[in-house]
Amino acid sequence: MDIHANIRTYLDGNGAAGGLKPDERYASFDYCYNYFRSFREQERVQELASPENIQVSCLHLGFYLASWGMLRGSSLLLQKSARYYRPVVQSVANLPMAFWDVDVDRYDDNVEMILECSRVIMQAIGQGRDATDTLVTKILLGVFGNVPAFDTYFKAGMGTYSFGRKSLRRIAEFYRANRSELDQYQIRTLDFATGQETDRVYPMAKLIDMVCFVEGMRPSPRH
């Protein structure tokens, strides 16, 4: 796997994908992550679900999920309004503060917390219906930035099949094996208002998400 080439492909775009630019789809992550992360940085996480903020919180999450393919076909969310996300935002606002600070380099000590918090999000977004690993992990990525999005391409690139204890350990091992290359990158999120870079750096889970997403899109070699 060529990590540098994959990151460059993600940033510059390839085919229909426009890359990481203010008006392109990939930036939807930046705007969602910036919004939720700002509350963590200001130690105001519980205010995400306040009467003054919950509508905007739901709209940020809902558009990010729509932009990242979660409102199509027979999706659980296709027939829902932004208000449907209220239980998710309320759950986010009440998860342990320590969960906001988990990244790939801390997986080994926090696997159980990641799995427990993912179950909370799964129940909140499913509301009695099954929610896919893809949907749950895209929420975790867009809000907390601490788990890659387990979609078809990422799973193919990482060589894993489902979200769980084993796959989280595989991601941690991937980071350790490629740390010297991955740690070279300090990709900054884009600001919605200006389109310019912020001071907020992509978490490692997001960087690995990008690398494996691009890898998974590559045609499989013929034997």
C-alpha atoms as a PDB file:
ATOM      1  CA  MET A   1       0.000   0.000   0.000  1.00  0.00           C
ATOM      2  CA  ASP A   2       1.340   3.407  -0.994  1.00  0.00           C
ATOM      3  CA  ILE A   3       0.188   5.628   1.866  1.00  0.00           C
ATOM      4  CA  HIS A   4       1.531   8.850   0.388  1.00  0.00           C
ATOM      5  CA  ALA A   5      -0.096   8.217  -2.997  1.00  0.00           C
ATOM      6  CA  ASN A   6      -3.430   7.376  -1.382  1.00  0.00           C
ATOM      7  CA  ILE A   7      -3.456  10.550   0.701  1.00  0.00           C
ATOM      8  CA  ARG A   8      -2.543  12.630  -2.342  1.00  0.00           C
ATOM      9  CA  THR A   9      -5.348  11.002  -4.345  1.00  0.00           C
ATOM     10  CA  TYR A  10      -7.845  11.781  -1.595  1.00  0.00           C
ATOM     11  CA  LEU A  11      -6.749  15.397  -1.281  1.00  0.00           C
ATOM     12  CA  ASP A  12      -6.485  16.122  -5.002  1.00  0.00           C
ATOM     13  CA  GLY A  13      -9.475  14.098  -6.178  1.00  0.00           C
ATOM     14  CA  ASN A  14      -9.827  11.323  -8.694  1.00  0.00           C
ATOM     15  CA  GLY A  15     -12.515  10.997 -11.347  1.00  0.00           C
ATOM     16  CA  ALA A  16     -15.879  12.093  -9.981  1.00  0.00           C
ATOM     17  CA  ALA A  17     -14.385  12.745  -6.539  1.00  0.00           C
ATOM     18  CA  GLY A  18     -13.391  16.389  -6.330  1.00  0.00           C
ATOM     19  CA  GLY A  19     -10.903  15.973  -3.523  1.00  0.00           C
ATOM     20  CA  LEU A  20     -10.689  18.006  -0.348  1.00  0.00           C
ATOM     21  CA  LYS A  21     -11.943  21.416  -1.456  1.00  0.00           C
ATOM     22  CA  PRO A  22     -14.406  23.742   0.309  1.00  0.00           C
ATOM     23  CA  ASP A  23     -17.348  23.003  -1.997  1.00  0.00           C
ATOM     24  CA  GLU A  24     -16.676  19.302  -2.558  1.00  0.00           C
ATOM     25  CA  ARG A  25     -18.226  16.341  -0.763  1.00  0.00           C
ATOM     26  CA  TYR A  26     -15.179  15.353   1.265  1.00  0.00           C
ATOM     27  CA  ALA A  27     -15.307  18.710   3.092  1.00  0.00           C
ATOM     28  CA  SER A  28     -18.653  17.712   4.613  1.00  0.00           C
ATOM     29  CA  PHE A  29     -16.632  15.805   7.186  1.00  0.00           C
ATOM     30  CA  ASP A  30     -14.657  18.925   8.046  1.00  0.00           C
ATOM     31  CA  TYR A  31     -17.719  21.062   8.714  1.00  0.00           C
ATOM     32  CA  CYS A  32     -19.424  18.417  10.842  1.00  0.00           C
ATOM     33  CA  TYR A  33     -16.278  17.578  12.793  1.00  0.00           C
ATOM     34  CA  ASN A  34     -15.430  21.259  13.318  1.00  0.00           C
ATOM     35  CA  TYR A  35     -18.866  21.922  14.752  1.00  0.00           C
ATOM     36  CA  PHE A  36     -18.937  19.081  17.264  1.00  0.00           C
ATOM     37  CA  ARG A  37     -15.258  19.374  18.147  1.00  0.00           C
ATOM     38  CA  SER A  38     -15.624  23.056  18.973  1.00  0.00           C
ATOM     39  CA  PHE A  39     -17.999  22.160  21.811  1.00  0.00           C
ATOM     40  CA  ARG A  40     -15.450  19.683  23.193  1.00  0.00           C
ATOM     41  CA  GLU A  41     -12.656  22.225  23.006  1.00  0.00           C
ATOM     42  CA  GLN A  42     -14.784  24.758  24.874  1.00  0.00           C
ATOM     43  CA  GLU A  43     -15.913  22.120  27.398  1.00  0.00           C
ATOM     44  CA  ARG A  44     -19.536  22.707  26.409  1.00  0.00           C
ATOM     45  CA  VAL A  45     -20.393  19.218  25.129  1.00  0.00           C
ATOM     46  CA  GLN A  46     -23.709  18.983  26.955  1.00  0.00           C
ATOM     47  CA  GLU A  47     -24.827  22.197  25.247  1.00  0.00           C
ATOM     48  CA  LEU A  48     -24.913  20.341  21.916  1.00  0.00           C
ATOM     49  CA  ALA A  49     -28.352  19.083  22.958  1.00  0.00           C
ATOM     50  CA  SER A  50     -29.601  22.324  24.510  1.00  0.00           C
ATOM     51  CA  PRO A  51     -32.828  23.861  23.125  1.00  0.00           C
ATOM     52  CA  GLU A  52     -30.721  26.610  21.553  1.00  0.00           C
ATOM     53  CA  ASN A  53     -28.336  24.243  19.755  1.00  0.00           C
ATOM     54  CA  ILE A  54     -30.038  20.931  19.076  1.00  0.00           C
ATOM     55  CA  GLN A  55     -31.544  21.933  15.741  1.00  0.00           C
ATOM     56  CA  VAL A  56     -28.186  23.071  14.373  1.00  0.00           C
ATOM     57  CA  SER A  57     -26.534  19.958  15.828  1.00  0.00           C
ATOM     58  CA  CYS A  58     -29.054  17.735  14.030  1.00  0.00           C
ATOM     59  CA  LEU A  59     -28.647  19.640  10.769  1.00  0.00           C
ATOM     60  CA  HIS A  60     -24.859  19.328  10.844  1.00  0.00           C
ATOM     61  CA  LEU A  61     -25.016  15.602  11.499  1.00  0.00           C
ATOM     62  CA  GLY A  62     -27.825  14.984   9.030  1.00  0.00           C
ATOM     63  CA  PHE A  63     -26.207  16.779   6.121  1.00  0.00           C
ATOM     64  CA  TYR A  64     -22.858  15.119   6.717  1.00  0.00           C
ATOM     65  CA  LEU A  65     -24.513  11.687   6.670  1.00  0.00           C
ATOM     66  CA  ALA A  66     -26.479  12.571   3.548  1.00  0.00           C
ATOM     67  CA  SER A  67     -23.366  13.833   1.808  1.00  0.00           C
ATOM     68  CA  TRP A  68     -21.541  10.659   2.744  1.00  0.00           C
ATOM     69  CA  GLY A  69     -24.159   8.363   1.240  1.00  0.00           C
ATOM     70  CA  MET A  70     -26.345   7.423   4.196  1.00  0.00           C
ATOM     71  CA  LEU A  71     -29.664   8.699   2.790  1.00  0.00           C
ATOM     72  CA  ARG A  72     -30.096   6.636  -0.337  1.00  0.00           C
ATOM     73  CA  GLY A  73     -31.830   3.466  -1.498  1.00  0.00           C
ATOM     74  CA  SER A  74     -33.461   1.571   1.346  1.00  0.00           C
ATOM     75  CA  SER A  75     -31.546   3.507   3.987  1.00  0.00           C
ATOM     76  CA  LEU A  76     -32.972   3.685   7.491  1.00  0.00           C
ATOM     77  CA  LEU A  77     -32.682   7.488   7.279  1.00  0.00           C
ATOM     78  CA  LEU A  78     -34.159   8.146   3.842  1.00  0.00           C
ATOM     79  CA  GLN A  79     -37.668   8.867   5.104  1.00  0.00           C
ATOM     80  CA  LYS A  80     -36.580  10.791   8.206  1.00  0.00           C
ATOM     81  CA  SER A  81     -36.285  14.516   8.917  1.00  0.00           C
ATOM     82  CA  ALA A  82     -33.385  16.206  10.692  1.00  0.00           C
ATOM     83  CA  ARG A  83     -35.355  16.022  13.926  1.00  0.00           C
ATOM     84  CA  TYR A  84     -34.878  12.244  13.922  1.00  0.00           C
ATOM     85  CA  TYR A  85     -31.251  12.803  14.980  1.00  0.00           C
ATOM     86  CA  ARG A  86     -32.213  14.337  18.323  1.00  0.00           C
ATOM     87  CA  PRO A  87     -31.599  11.107  20.318  1.00  0.00           C
ATOM     88  CA  VAL A  88     -28.170  10.789  18.699  1.00  0.00           C
ATOM     89  CA  VAL A  89     -27.196  14.332  19.644  1.00  0.00           C
ATOM     90  CA  GLN A  90     -28.526  13.797  23.157  1.00  0.00           C
ATOM     91  CA  SER A  91     -26.474  10.608  23.444  1.00  0.00           C
ATOM     92  CA  VAL A  92     -23.373  12.341  22.110  1.00  0.00           C
ATOM     93  CA  ALA A  93     -23.796  15.077  24.709  1.00  0.00           C
ATOM     94  CA  ASN A  94     -23.824  12.509  27.516  1.00  0.00           C
ATOM     95  CA  LEU A  95     -21.036  10.135  26.505  1.00  0.00           C
ATOM     96  CA  PRO A  96     -17.897  10.126  28.685  1.00  0.00           C
ATOM     97  CA  MET A  97     -15.623  13.090  28.065  1.00  0.00           C
ATOM     98  CA  ALA A  98     -12.706  10.662  27.790  1.00  0.00           C
ATOM     99  CA  PHE A  99     -14.253   9.217  24.629  1.00  0.00           C
ATOM    100  CA  TRP A 100     -13.681  12.514  22.809  1.00  0.00           C
ATOM    101  CA  ASP A 101      -9.940  12.143  23.371  1.00  0.00           C
ATOM    102  CA  VAL A 102      -9.520   8.603  22.021  1.00  0.00           C
ATOM    103  CA  ASP A 103      -7.603   8.148  18.784  1.00  0.00           C
ATOM    104  CA  VAL A 104      -5.907   5.198  17.132  1.00  0.00           C
ATOM    105  CA  ASP A 105      -2.801   5.445  19.301  1.00  0.00           C
ATOM    106  CA  ARG A 106      -5.022   4.837  22.352  1.00  0.00           C
ATOM    107  CA  TYR A 107      -7.101   1.962  21.008  1.00  0.00           C
ATOM    108  CA  ASP A 108      -5.344  -0.724  23.026  1.00  0.00           C
ATOM    109  CA  ASP A 109      -6.478   0.789  26.323  1.00  0.00           C
ATOM    110  CA  ASN A 110      -9.904   1.930  25.153  1.00  0.00           C
ATOM    111  CA  VAL A 111     -11.382  -0.824  22.975  1.00  0.00           C
ATOM    112  CA  GLU A 112     -14.163  -1.601  25.429  1.00  0.00           C
ATOM    113  CA  MET A 113     -15.140   2.058  25.773  1.00  0.00           C
ATOM    114  CA  ILE A 114     -15.248   2.450  21.985  1.00  0.00           C
ATOM    115  CA  LEU A 115     -17.499  -0.587  21.638  1.00  0.00           C
ATOM    116  CA  GLU A 116     -19.791   0.528  24.462  1.00  0.00           C
ATOM    117  CA  CYS A 117     -20.138   4.056  23.063  1.00  0.00           C
ATOM    118  CA  SER A 118     -20.792   2.643  19.605  1.00  0.00           C
ATOM    119  CA  ARG A 119     -23.653   0.582  21.049  1.00  0.00           C
ATOM    120  CA  VAL A 120     -25.133   3.737  22.586  1.00  0.00           C
ATOM    121  CA  ILE A 121     -24.988   5.479  19.206  1.00  0.00           C
ATOM    122  CA  MET A 122     -26.417   2.413  17.460  1.00  0.00           C
ATOM    123  CA  GLN A 123     -29.443   2.393  19.746  1.00  0.00           C
ATOM    124  CA  ALA A 124     -29.928   6.140  19.392  1.00  0.00           C
ATOM    125  CA  ILE A 125     -29.820   6.161  15.589  1.00  0.00           C
ATOM    126  CA  GLY A 126     -31.709   2.879  15.156  1.00  0.00           C
ATOM    127  CA  GLN A 127     -34.548   3.690  17.561  1.00  0.00           C
ATOM    128  CA  GLY A 128     -35.684   0.076  17.587  1.00  0.00           C
ATOM    129  CA  ARG A 129     -34.390  -0.793  14.116  1.00  0.00           C
ATOM    130  CA  ASP A 130     -31.061  -2.266  13.098  1.00  0.00           C
ATOM    131  CA  ALA A 131     -28.357   0.269  12.269  1.00  0.00           C
ATOM    132  CA  THR A 132     -25.423  -0.828  10.131  1.00  0.00           C
ATOM    133  CA  ASP A 133     -21.775  -0.669  11.111  1.00  0.00           C
ATOM    134  CA  THR A 134     -21.319   1.768   8.241  1.00  0.00           C
ATOM    135  CA  LEU A 135     -23.871   4.206   9.629  1.00  0.00           C
ATOM    136  CA  VAL A 136     -22.684   3.977  13.231  1.00  0.00           C
ATOM    137  CA  THR A 137     -19.010   4.385  12.373  1.00  0.00           C
ATOM    138  CA  LYS A 138     -19.710   7.310  10.055  1.00  0.00           C
ATOM    139  CA  ILE A 139     -21.366   9.030  13.005  1.00  0.00           C
ATOM    140  CA  LEU A 140     -18.385   8.229  15.227  1.00  0.00           C
ATOM    141  CA  LEU A 141     -16.029   9.592  12.588  1.00  0.00           C
ATOM    142  CA  GLY A 142     -17.957  12.786  11.858  1.00  0.00           C
ATOM    143  CA  VAL A 143     -18.611  13.676  15.491  1.00  0.00           C
ATOM    144  CA  PHE A 144     -15.613  12.330  17.421  1.00  0.00           C
ATOM    145  CA  GLY A 145     -13.075  11.594  14.699  1.00  0.00           C
ATOM    146  CA  ASN A 146     -11.908   8.499  16.551  1.00  0.00           C
ATOM    147  CA  VAL A 147     -13.053   5.583  14.356  1.00  0.00           C
ATOM    148  CA  PRO A 148     -12.780   5.190  10.566  1.00  0.00           C
ATOM    149  CA  ALA A 149     -16.009   4.783   8.603  1.00  0.00           C
ATOM    150  CA  PHE A 150     -16.510   1.075   7.956  1.00  0.00           C
ATOM    151  CA  ASP A 151     -17.912   1.309   4.449  1.00  0.00           C
ATOM    152  CA  THR A 152     -17.216  -1.111   1.604  1.00  0.00           C
ATOM    153  CA  TYR A 153     -14.080   0.636   0.380  1.00  0.00           C
ATOM    154  CA  PHE A 154     -12.508   1.119   3.789  1.00  0.00           C
ATOM    155  CA  LYS A 155     -13.084  -2.516   4.723  1.00  0.00           C
ATOM    156  CA  ALA A 156     -11.557  -3.664   1.448  1.00  0.00           C
ATOM    157  CA  GLY A 157      -8.542  -1.413   1.931  1.00  0.00           C
ATOM    158  CA  MET A 158      -7.992  -2.400   5.556  1.00  0.00           C
ATOM    159  CA  GLY A 159      -8.734  -6.063   4.907  1.00  0.00           C
ATOM    160  CA  THR A 160     -11.439  -6.362   7.529  1.00  0.00           C
ATOM    161  CA  TYR A 161     -15.089  -7.342   7.341  1.00  0.00           C
ATOM    162  CA  SER A 162     -16.920  -5.845  10.297  1.00  0.00           C
ATOM    163  CA  PHE A 163     -16.601  -3.329  13.114  1.00  0.00           C
ATOM    164  CA  GLY A 164     -15.553  -4.814  16.411  1.00  0.00           C
ATOM    165  CA  ARG A 165     -12.749  -5.658  18.788  1.00  0.00           C
ATOM    166  CA  LYS A 166     -10.678  -7.516  16.201  1.00  0.00           C
ATOM    167  CA  SER A 167     -10.932  -4.808  13.545  1.00  0.00           C
ATOM    168  CA  LEU A 168     -10.042  -2.050  16.020  1.00  0.00           C
ATOM    169  CA  ARG A 169      -6.913  -3.964  16.962  1.00  0.00           C
ATOM    170  CA  ARG A 170      -6.101  -4.388  13.293  1.00  0.00           C
ATOM    171  CA  ILE A 171      -6.343  -0.623  12.800  1.00  0.00           C
ATOM    172  CA  ALA A 172      -4.050  -0.057  15.786  1.00  0.00           C
ATOM    173  CA  GLU A 173      -1.553  -2.525  14.330  1.00  0.00           C
ATOM    174  CA  PHE A 174      -1.744  -0.785  10.953  1.00  0.00           C
ATOM    175  CA  TYR A 175      -0.904   2.507  12.632  1.00  0.00           C
ATOM    176  CA  ARG A 176       2.057   1.060  14.506  1.00  0.00           C
ATOM    177  CA  ALA A 177       3.401  -0.552  11.334  1.00  0.00           C
ATOM    178  CA  ASN A 178       3.091   2.670   9.322  1.00  0.00           C
ATOM    179  CA  ARG A 179       3.550   5.282  12.012  1.00  0.00           C
ATOM    180  CA  SER A 180       6.629   6.906  10.488  1.00  0.00           C
ATOM    181  CA  GLU A 181       4.701   7.692   7.304  1.00  0.00           C
ATOM    182  CA  LEU A 182       1.339   8.576   8.838  1.00  0.00           C
ATOM    183  CA  ASP A 183       2.789  10.896  11.470  1.00  0.00           C
ATOM    184  CA  GLN A 184       4.261  13.081   8.736  1.00  0.00           C
ATOM    185  CA  TYR A 185       0.816  14.466   7.939  1.00  0.00           C
ATOM    186  CA  GLN A 186      -0.836  17.390   9.674  1.00  0.00           C
ATOM    187  CA  ILE A 187      -3.889  17.902   7.466  1.00  0.00           C
ATOM    188  CA  ARG A 188      -6.053  20.732   8.712  1.00  0.00           C
ATOM    189  CA  THR A 189      -9.818  20.925   8.450  1.00  0.00           C
ATOM    190  CA  LEU A 190     -11.450  23.525   6.235  1.00  0.00           C
ATOM    191  CA  ASP A 191     -13.493  26.337   7.713  1.00  0.00           C
ATOM    192  CA  PHE A 192     -17.065  26.667   6.421  1.00  0.00           C
ATOM    193  CA  ALA A 193     -17.181  30.476   6.489  1.00  0.00           C
ATOM    194  CA  THR A 194     -13.867  31.174   4.767  1.00  0.00           C
ATOM    195  CA  GLY A 195     -13.009  27.940   2.963  1.00  0.00           C
ATOM    196  CA  GLN A 196      -9.519  28.269   4.433  1.00  0.00           C
ATOM    197  CA  GLU A 197      -7.655  25.864   6.692  1.00  0.00           C
ATOM    198  CA  THR A 198      -8.321  25.965  10.426  1.00  0.00           C
ATOM    199  CA  ASP A 199      -5.868  25.171  13.218  1.00  0.00           C
ATOM    200  CA  ARG A 200      -7.713  21.889  13.813  1.00  0.00           C
ATOM    201  CA  VAL A 201      -5.769  18.836  12.589  1.00  0.00           C
ATOM    202  CA  TYR A 202      -7.319  15.644  11.222  1.00  0.00           C
ATOM    203  CA  PRO A 203      -7.237  12.868  13.838  1.00  0.00           C
ATOM    204  CA  MET A 204      -5.294   9.740  12.953  1.00  0.00           C
ATOM    205  CA  ALA A 205      -8.494   7.697  12.589  1.00  0.00           C
ATOM    206  CA  LYS A 206      -9.572  10.067   9.824  1.00  0.00           C
ATOM    207  CA  LEU A 207      -6.195   9.843   8.119  1.00  0.00           C
ATOM    208  CA  ILE A 208      -6.334   6.042   8.150  1.00  0.00           C
ATOM    209  CA  ASP A 209      -9.909   6.223   6.895  1.00  0.00           C
ATOM    210  CA  MET A 210      -8.695   8.217   3.886  1.00  0.00           C
ATOM    211  CA  VAL A 211      -5.772   5.915   3.155  1.00  0.00           C
ATOM    212  CA  CYS A 212      -7.807   2.712   3.255  1.00  0.00           C
ATOM    213  CA  PHE A 213     -10.818   4.230   1.495  1.00  0.00           C
ATOM    214  CA  VAL A 214      -8.654   5.081  -1.516  1.00  0.00           C
ATOM    215  CA  GLU A 215      -6.905   1.712  -1.340  1.00  0.00           C
ATOM    216  CA  GLY A 216     -10.257  -0.069  -1.361  1.00  0.00           C
ATOM    217  CA  MET A 217     -11.326   1.762  -4.510  1.00  0.00           C
ATOM    218  CA  ARG A 218      -8.353   0.471  -6.468  1.00  0.00           C
ATOM    219  CA  PRO A 219      -9.106  -2.401  -8.860  1.00  0.00           C
ATOM    220  CA  SER A 220      -8.147  -5.779  -7.453  1.00  0.00           C
ATOM    221  CA  PRO A 221      -5.114  -7.290  -9.207  1.00  0.00           C
ATOM    222  CA  ARG A 222      -5.904 -10.188 -11.488  1.00  0.00           C
ATOM    223  CA  HIS A 223      -4.204 -13.460 -10.756  1.00  0.00           C
END
